[in-house]
């Protein structure tokens, strides 16, 4: 029963389409929070101001989120295929 629920959940993630999946899971849910976290802790270790580290991280991590979102998409597709073959 759990694998059927998991399959439905994964299929809903894929149904949103690749661009939306990358935007939601990569940029919004990974890139932006990571950028804010990085900007918050960097001043403690480097002495760089919060705004300076934010100006760097707010574009670097969301761009990295595009790749994270693509990886997440491919992983989800593989998981669906594995569950379908069970």
N, C-alpha and C. Protein backbone atom coordinates (compact mmCIF):
# COMPACT_ATOMS: atom_id res chain seq x y z
N UNK A 1 0.82 -1.20 0.00
CA UNK A 1 0.00 0.00 0.00
C UNK A 1 0.86 1.26 0.00
N UNK A 2 1.94 1.24 0.74
CA UNK A 2 2.80 2.42 0.83
C UNK A 2 3.42 2.75 -0.52
N UNK A 3 3.80 1.73 -1.28
CA UNK A 3 4.44 2.01 -2.57
C UNK A 3 3.45 2.65 -3.54
N UNK A 4 2.17 2.31 -3.44
CA UNK A 4 1.16 2.94 -4.30
C UNK A 4 1.01 4.41 -3.94
N UNK A 5 1.00 4.72 -2.66
CA UNK A 5 0.90 6.12 -2.22
C UNK A 5 2.14 6.89 -2.64
N UNK A 6 3.29 6.27 -2.50
CA UNK A 6 4.55 6.90 -2.90
C UNK A 6 4.55 7.15 -4.40
N UNK A 7 4.09 6.18 -5.17
CA UNK A 7 4.02 6.33 -6.62
C UNK A 7 3.11 7.50 -7.00
N UNK A 8 1.96 7.60 -6.36
CA UNK A 8 1.04 8.71 -6.64
C UNK A 8 1.67 10.05 -6.30
N UNK A 9 2.38 10.11 -5.18
CA UNK A 9 3.06 11.35 -4.78
C UNK A 9 4.13 11.75 -5.79
N UNK A 10 4.92 10.78 -6.22
CA UNK A 10 5.97 11.06 -7.20
C UNK A 10 5.38 11.47 -8.55
N UNK A 11 4.28 10.83 -8.94
CA UNK A 11 3.66 11.18 -10.21
C UNK A 11 3.09 12.60 -10.18
N UNK A 12 2.58 13.03 -9.03
CA UNK A 12 2.10 14.42 -8.92
C UNK A 12 3.26 15.40 -9.08
N UNK A 13 4.44 15.04 -8.57
CA UNK A 13 5.60 15.90 -8.74
C UNK A 13 5.99 16.01 -10.21
N UNK A 14 5.88 14.92 -10.95
CA UNK A 14 6.24 14.91 -12.36
C UNK A 14 5.17 15.61 -13.20
N UNK A 15 3.92 15.50 -12.80
CA UNK A 15 2.83 16.10 -13.57
C UNK A 15 2.93 17.62 -13.63
N UNK A 16 3.64 18.24 -12.68
CA UNK A 16 3.76 19.70 -12.73
C UNK A 16 4.65 20.16 -13.87
N UNK A 17 5.39 19.27 -14.48
CA UNK A 17 6.25 19.62 -15.61
C UNK A 17 7.65 20.00 -15.16
N UNK A 18 8.58 19.85 -16.06
CA UNK A 18 10.00 20.09 -15.74
C UNK A 18 10.28 21.54 -15.34
N UNK A 19 9.84 22.55 -16.10
CA UNK A 19 10.18 23.93 -15.70
C UNK A 19 9.63 24.31 -14.33
N UNK A 20 8.38 23.94 -14.06
CA UNK A 20 7.79 24.27 -12.77
C UNK A 20 8.46 23.49 -11.65
N UNK A 21 8.81 22.24 -11.90
CA UNK A 21 9.50 21.41 -10.91
C UNK A 21 10.85 22.05 -10.54
N UNK A 22 11.59 22.48 -11.55
CA UNK A 22 12.88 23.12 -11.30
C UNK A 22 12.69 24.41 -10.51
N UNK A 23 11.69 25.21 -10.90
CA UNK A 23 11.44 26.47 -10.20
C UNK A 23 11.05 26.23 -8.75
N UNK A 24 10.11 25.33 -8.51
CA UNK A 24 9.61 25.11 -7.15
C UNK A 24 10.64 24.39 -6.29
N UNK A 25 11.09 23.22 -6.72
CA UNK A 25 11.95 22.40 -5.88
C UNK A 25 13.42 22.84 -5.90
N UNK A 26 13.86 23.39 -7.02
CA UNK A 26 15.26 23.79 -7.12
C UNK A 26 15.51 25.21 -6.66
N UNK A 27 14.82 26.16 -7.27
CA UNK A 27 15.09 27.57 -7.00
C UNK A 27 14.41 28.03 -5.71
N UNK A 28 13.11 27.80 -5.57
CA UNK A 28 12.37 28.34 -4.43
C UNK A 28 12.64 27.55 -3.14
N UNK A 29 12.58 26.23 -3.21
CA UNK A 29 12.72 25.44 -1.98
C UNK A 29 14.16 25.09 -1.62
N UNK A 30 15.10 25.20 -2.55
CA UNK A 30 16.50 24.92 -2.22
C UNK A 30 17.37 26.15 -2.37
N UNK A 31 17.32 26.82 -3.51
CA UNK A 31 18.25 27.91 -3.80
C UNK A 31 18.09 29.12 -2.89
N UNK A 32 16.88 29.61 -2.74
CA UNK A 32 16.67 30.82 -1.93
C UNK A 32 16.93 30.57 -0.44
N UNK A 33 16.38 29.51 0.16
CA UNK A 33 16.71 29.28 1.57
C UNK A 33 18.20 29.06 1.82
N UNK A 34 18.86 28.37 0.92
CA UNK A 34 20.30 28.15 1.06
C UNK A 34 21.06 29.47 0.96
N UNK A 35 20.62 30.34 0.05
CA UNK A 35 21.26 31.65 -0.10
C UNK A 35 21.10 32.47 1.18
N UNK A 36 19.92 32.46 1.76
CA UNK A 36 19.68 33.22 2.99
C UNK A 36 20.48 32.65 4.16
N UNK A 37 20.54 31.33 4.24
CA UNK A 37 21.32 30.69 5.30
C UNK A 37 22.80 31.03 5.15
N UNK A 38 23.30 30.94 3.94
CA UNK A 38 24.70 31.26 3.67
C UNK A 38 25.00 32.72 4.03
N UNK A 39 24.10 33.62 3.62
CA UNK A 39 24.31 35.04 3.91
C UNK A 39 24.24 35.32 5.42
N UNK A 40 23.46 34.53 6.14
CA UNK A 40 23.33 34.74 7.59
C UNK A 40 24.56 34.26 8.35
N UNK A 41 25.19 33.16 7.90
CA UNK A 41 26.32 32.63 8.68
C UNK A 41 27.67 33.12 8.20
N UNK A 42 27.77 33.59 6.96
CA UNK A 42 29.05 34.05 6.43
C UNK A 42 29.68 35.16 7.25
N UNK A 43 28.94 36.17 7.72
CA UNK A 43 29.58 37.24 8.50
C UNK A 43 30.29 36.74 9.77
N UNK A 44 29.82 35.66 10.34
CA UNK A 44 30.44 35.13 11.56
C UNK A 44 31.81 34.52 11.29
N UNK A 45 32.01 34.02 10.08
CA UNK A 45 33.25 33.32 9.76
C UNK A 45 34.23 34.15 8.95
N UNK A 46 33.74 35.11 8.18
CA UNK A 46 34.62 35.86 7.29
C UNK A 46 34.74 37.34 7.63
N UNK A 47 33.81 37.85 8.40
CA UNK A 47 33.82 39.28 8.69
C UNK A 47 33.19 40.10 7.58
N UNK A 48 32.73 39.44 6.53
CA UNK A 48 32.06 40.11 5.43
C UNK A 48 30.66 40.52 5.89
N UNK A 49 30.15 41.63 5.41
CA UNK A 49 28.82 42.08 5.84
C UNK A 49 27.73 41.16 5.30
N UNK A 50 26.60 41.19 5.98
CA UNK A 50 25.45 40.39 5.55
C UNK A 50 25.03 40.77 4.14
N UNK A 51 24.95 42.06 3.85
CA UNK A 51 24.50 42.51 2.53
C UNK A 51 25.48 42.10 1.42
N UNK A 52 26.76 42.11 1.71
CA UNK A 52 27.74 41.69 0.71
C UNK A 52 27.60 40.20 0.42
N UNK A 53 27.45 39.41 1.47
CA UNK A 53 27.30 37.97 1.23
C UNK A 53 25.95 37.66 0.61
N UNK A 54 24.92 38.44 0.95
CA UNK A 54 23.60 38.23 0.34
C UNK A 54 23.62 38.58 -1.14
N UNK A 55 24.31 39.65 -1.49
CA UNK A 55 24.37 40.04 -2.91
C UNK A 55 25.06 38.98 -3.76
N UNK A 56 25.97 38.23 -3.17
CA UNK A 56 26.62 37.13 -3.87
C UNK A 56 25.71 35.90 -3.89
N UNK A 57 25.21 35.52 -2.73
CA UNK A 57 24.50 34.25 -2.61
C UNK A 57 23.11 34.27 -3.24
N UNK A 58 22.49 35.44 -3.33
CA UNK A 58 21.11 35.48 -3.83
C UNK A 58 21.02 35.15 -5.32
N UNK A 59 22.13 35.21 -6.04
CA UNK A 59 22.08 34.77 -7.44
C UNK A 59 22.82 33.46 -7.66
N UNK A 60 23.84 33.17 -6.86
CA UNK A 60 24.61 31.93 -7.05
C UNK A 60 23.80 30.70 -6.67
N UNK A 61 23.18 30.71 -5.50
CA UNK A 61 22.47 29.52 -5.04
C UNK A 61 21.19 29.24 -5.84
N UNK A 62 20.40 30.24 -6.23
CA UNK A 62 19.27 29.90 -7.11
C UNK A 62 19.70 29.35 -8.47
N UNK A 63 20.82 29.81 -9.01
CA UNK A 63 21.33 29.22 -10.25
C UNK A 63 21.73 27.76 -9.99
N UNK A 64 22.37 27.51 -8.85
CA UNK A 64 22.66 26.13 -8.47
C UNK A 64 21.39 25.33 -8.26
N UNK A 65 20.33 26.00 -7.82
CA UNK A 65 19.04 25.35 -7.63
C UNK A 65 18.45 24.83 -8.92
N UNK A 66 18.79 25.46 -10.03
CA UNK A 66 18.33 24.95 -11.33
C UNK A 66 18.89 23.55 -11.55
N UNK A 67 20.16 23.37 -11.25
CA UNK A 67 20.77 22.05 -11.40
C UNK A 67 20.24 21.06 -10.36
N UNK A 68 20.01 21.56 -9.15
CA UNK A 68 19.43 20.70 -8.11
C UNK A 68 18.02 20.25 -8.53
N UNK A 69 17.23 21.17 -9.06
CA UNK A 69 15.88 20.83 -9.51
C UNK A 69 15.89 19.82 -10.65
N UNK A 70 16.84 19.97 -11.57
CA UNK A 70 16.97 19.01 -12.66
C UNK A 70 17.36 17.63 -12.13
N UNK A 71 18.31 17.60 -11.20
CA UNK A 71 18.70 16.33 -10.59
C UNK A 71 17.51 15.70 -9.87
N UNK A 72 16.74 16.52 -9.15
CA UNK A 72 15.57 16.03 -8.43
C UNK A 72 14.54 15.45 -9.40
N UNK A 73 14.35 16.11 -10.53
CA UNK A 73 13.42 15.63 -11.57
C UNK A 73 13.85 14.26 -12.07
N UNK A 74 15.13 14.13 -12.42
CA UNK A 74 15.63 12.86 -12.94
C UNK A 74 15.54 11.75 -11.90
N UNK A 75 15.85 12.08 -10.66
CA UNK A 75 15.75 11.10 -9.59
C UNK A 75 14.31 10.65 -9.39
N UNK A 76 13.38 11.58 -9.44
CA UNK A 76 11.97 11.25 -9.27
C UNK A 76 11.50 10.34 -10.41
N UNK A 77 11.93 10.63 -11.63
CA UNK A 77 11.56 9.78 -12.78
C UNK A 77 12.09 8.36 -12.60
N UNK A 78 13.34 8.25 -12.10
CA UNK A 78 13.91 6.92 -11.86
C UNK A 78 13.15 6.18 -10.77
N UNK A 79 12.77 6.88 -9.72
CA UNK A 79 12.01 6.25 -8.64
C UNK A 79 10.66 5.75 -9.14
N UNK A 80 10.01 6.51 -10.00
CA UNK A 80 8.72 6.08 -10.57
C UNK A 80 8.91 4.79 -11.37
N UNK A 81 9.93 4.76 -12.20
CA UNK A 81 10.19 3.55 -13.00
C UNK A 81 10.47 2.33 -12.12
N UNK A 82 11.23 2.55 -11.04
CA UNK A 82 11.52 1.44 -10.13
C UNK A 82 10.24 0.93 -9.45
N UNK A 83 9.37 1.84 -9.04
CA UNK A 83 8.13 1.44 -8.37
C UNK A 83 7.18 0.76 -9.35
N UNK A 84 7.19 1.16 -10.59
CA UNK A 84 6.31 0.54 -11.59
C UNK A 84 6.74 -0.88 -11.92
N UNK A 85 8.04 -1.17 -11.81
CA UNK A 85 8.53 -2.51 -12.13
C UNK A 85 8.36 -3.48 -10.97
N UNK A 86 8.05 -2.98 -9.80
CA UNK A 86 7.85 -3.89 -8.64
C UNK A 86 6.59 -4.67 -8.77
